[in-house]
Amino acid sequence: MSPSRLIGLGGGIFLVLSNKRRFYV
């Protein structure tokens, strides 16, 4: 897996987590 792809995947997960957090709070 390329680093850029890994960073993109991590960013996507972070976005989902922040979205859920905003949704719950």
PDB file of N, CA and C in Angstrom:
ATOM      1  N   MET A   1       0.854  -1.204   0.000  1.00  0.00           N
ATOM      2  CA  MET A   1       0.000   0.000   0.000  1.00  0.00           C
ATOM      3  C   MET A   1       0.884   1.247   0.000  1.00  0.00           C
ATOM      4  N   SER A   2       0.542   2.192  -0.850  1.00  0.00           N
ATOM      5  CA  SER A   2       1.353   3.412  -0.931  1.00  0.00           C
ATOM      6  C   SER A   2       1.003   4.359   0.219  1.00  0.00           C
ATOM      7  N   PRO A   3       1.982   5.149   0.676  1.00  0.00           N
ATOM      8  CA  PRO A   3       1.760   6.072   1.802  1.00  0.00           C
ATOM      9  C   PRO A   3       0.621   7.048   1.532  1.00  0.00           C
ATOM     10  N   SER A   4       0.559   7.561   0.310  1.00  0.00           N
ATOM     11  CA  SER A   4      -0.485   8.540  -0.024  1.00  0.00           C
ATOM     12  C   SER A   4      -1.869   7.907   0.127  1.00  0.00           C
ATOM     13  N   ARG A   5      -1.977   6.647  -0.275  1.00  0.00           N
ATOM     14  CA  ARG A   5      -3.259   5.947  -0.170  1.00  0.00           C
ATOM     15  C   ARG A   5      -3.606   5.722   1.299  1.00  0.00           C
ATOM     16  N   LEU A   6      -2.585   5.402   2.101  1.00  0.00           N
ATOM     17  CA  LEU A   6      -2.792   5.163   3.528  1.00  0.00           C
ATOM     18  C   LEU A   6      -3.267   6.449   4.203  1.00  0.00           C
ATOM     19  N   ILE A   7      -2.655   7.572   3.825  1.00  0.00           N
ATOM     20  CA  ILE A   7      -3.052   8.869   4.398  1.00  0.00           C
ATOM     21  C   ILE A   7      -4.488   9.191   3.993  1.00  0.00           C
ATOM     22  N   GLY A   8      -4.849   8.888   2.769  1.00  0.00           N
ATOM     23  CA  GLY A   8      -6.216   9.153   2.294  1.00  0.00           C
ATOM     24  C   GLY A   8      -7.218   8.317   3.075  1.00  0.00           C
ATOM     25  N   LEU A   9      -6.847   7.049   3.310  1.00  0.00           N
ATOM     26  CA  LEU A   9      -7.733   6.158   4.057  1.00  0.00           C
ATOM     27  C   LEU A   9      -7.905   6.677   5.485  1.00  0.00           C
ATOM     28  N   GLY A  10      -6.797   7.062   6.121  1.00  0.00           N
ATOM     29  CA  GLY A  10      -6.849   7.593   7.485  1.00  0.00           C
ATOM     30  C   GLY A  10      -7.690   8.858   7.543  1.00  0.00           C
ATOM     31  N   GLY A  11      -7.533   9.717   6.522  1.00  0.00           N
ATOM     32  CA  GLY A  11      -8.313  10.959   6.479  1.00  0.00           C
ATOM     33  C   GLY A  11      -9.799  10.655   6.364  1.00  0.00           C
ATOM     34  N   GLY A  12     -10.133   9.643   5.562  1.00  0.00           N
ATOM     35  CA  GLY A  12     -11.546   9.271   5.391  1.00  0.00           C
ATOM     36  C   GLY A  12     -12.141   8.778   6.708  1.00  0.00           C
ATOM     37  N   ILE A  13     -11.373   7.948   7.409  1.00  0.00           N
ATOM     38  CA  ILE A  13     -11.850   7.421   8.704  1.00  0.00           C
ATOM     39  C   ILE A  13     -12.016   8.569   9.687  1.00  0.00           C
ATOM     40  N   PHE A  14     -11.059   9.498   9.682  1.00  0.00           N
ATOM     41  CA  PHE A  14     -11.117  10.642  10.600  1.00  0.00           C
ATOM     42  C   PHE A  14     -12.350  11.490  10.312  1.00  0.00           C
ATOM     43  N   LEU A  15     -12.647  11.666   9.034  1.00  0.00           N
ATOM     44  CA  LEU A  15     -13.819  12.457   8.642  1.00  0.00           C
ATOM     45  C   LEU A  15     -15.098  11.787   9.137  1.00  0.00           C
ATOM     46  N   VAL A  16     -15.179  10.471   8.964  1.00  0.00           N
ATOM     47  CA  VAL A  16     -16.364   9.732   9.403  1.00  0.00           C
ATOM     48  C   VAL A  16     -16.524   9.841  10.917  1.00  0.00           C
ATOM     49  N   LEU A  17     -15.398   9.684  11.647  1.00  0.00           N
ATOM     50  CA  LEU A  17     -15.445   9.755  13.114  1.00  0.00           C
ATOM     51  C   LEU A  17     -15.896  11.137  13.566  1.00  0.00           C
ATOM     52  N   SER A  18     -15.331  12.185  12.961  1.00  0.00           N
ATOM     53  CA  SER A  18     -15.706  13.553  13.351  1.00  0.00           C
ATOM     54  C   SER A  18     -17.166  13.816  13.004  1.00  0.00           C
ATOM     55  N   ASN A  19     -17.625  13.241  11.886  1.00  0.00           N
ATOM     56  CA  ASN A  19     -19.020  13.405  11.483  1.00  0.00           C
ATOM     57  C   ASN A  19     -19.940  12.756  12.514  1.00  0.00           C
ATOM     58  N   LYS A  20     -19.602  11.543  12.937  1.00  0.00           N
ATOM     59  CA  LYS A  20     -20.410  10.829  13.923  1.00  0.00           C
ATOM     60  C   LYS A  20     -20.429  11.593  15.237  1.00  0.00           C
ATOM     61  N   ARG A  21     -19.259  12.110  15.620  1.00  0.00           N
ATOM     62  CA  ARG A  21     -19.160  12.838  16.879  1.00  0.00           C
ATOM     63  C   ARG A  21     -20.078  14.054  16.830  1.00  0.00           C
ATOM     64  N   ARG A  22     -20.072  14.766  15.718  1.00  0.00           N
ATOM     65  CA  ARG A  22     -20.916  15.956  15.562  1.00  0.00           C
ATOM     66  C   ARG A  22     -22.387  15.534  15.582  1.00  0.00           C
ATOM     67  N   PHE A  23     -22.654  14.340  15.043  1.00  0.00           N
ATOM     68  CA  PHE A  23     -24.022  13.829  14.959  1.00  0.00           C
ATOM     69  C   PHE A  23     -24.564  13.494  16.345  1.00  0.00           C
ATOM     70  N   TYR A  24     -23.717  12.866  17.153  1.00  0.00           N
ATOM     71  CA  TYR A  24     -24.151  12.418  18.483  1.00  0.00           C
ATOM     72  C   TYR A  24     -24.242  13.585  19.459  1.00  0.00           C
ATOM     73  N   VAL A  25     -23.267  14.486  19.395  1.00  0.00           N
ATOM     74  CA  VAL A  25     -23.234  15.588  20.375  1.00  0.00           C
ATOM     75  C   VAL A  25     -24.184  16.712  19.973  1.00  0.00           C
TER      76      VAL A  25
END
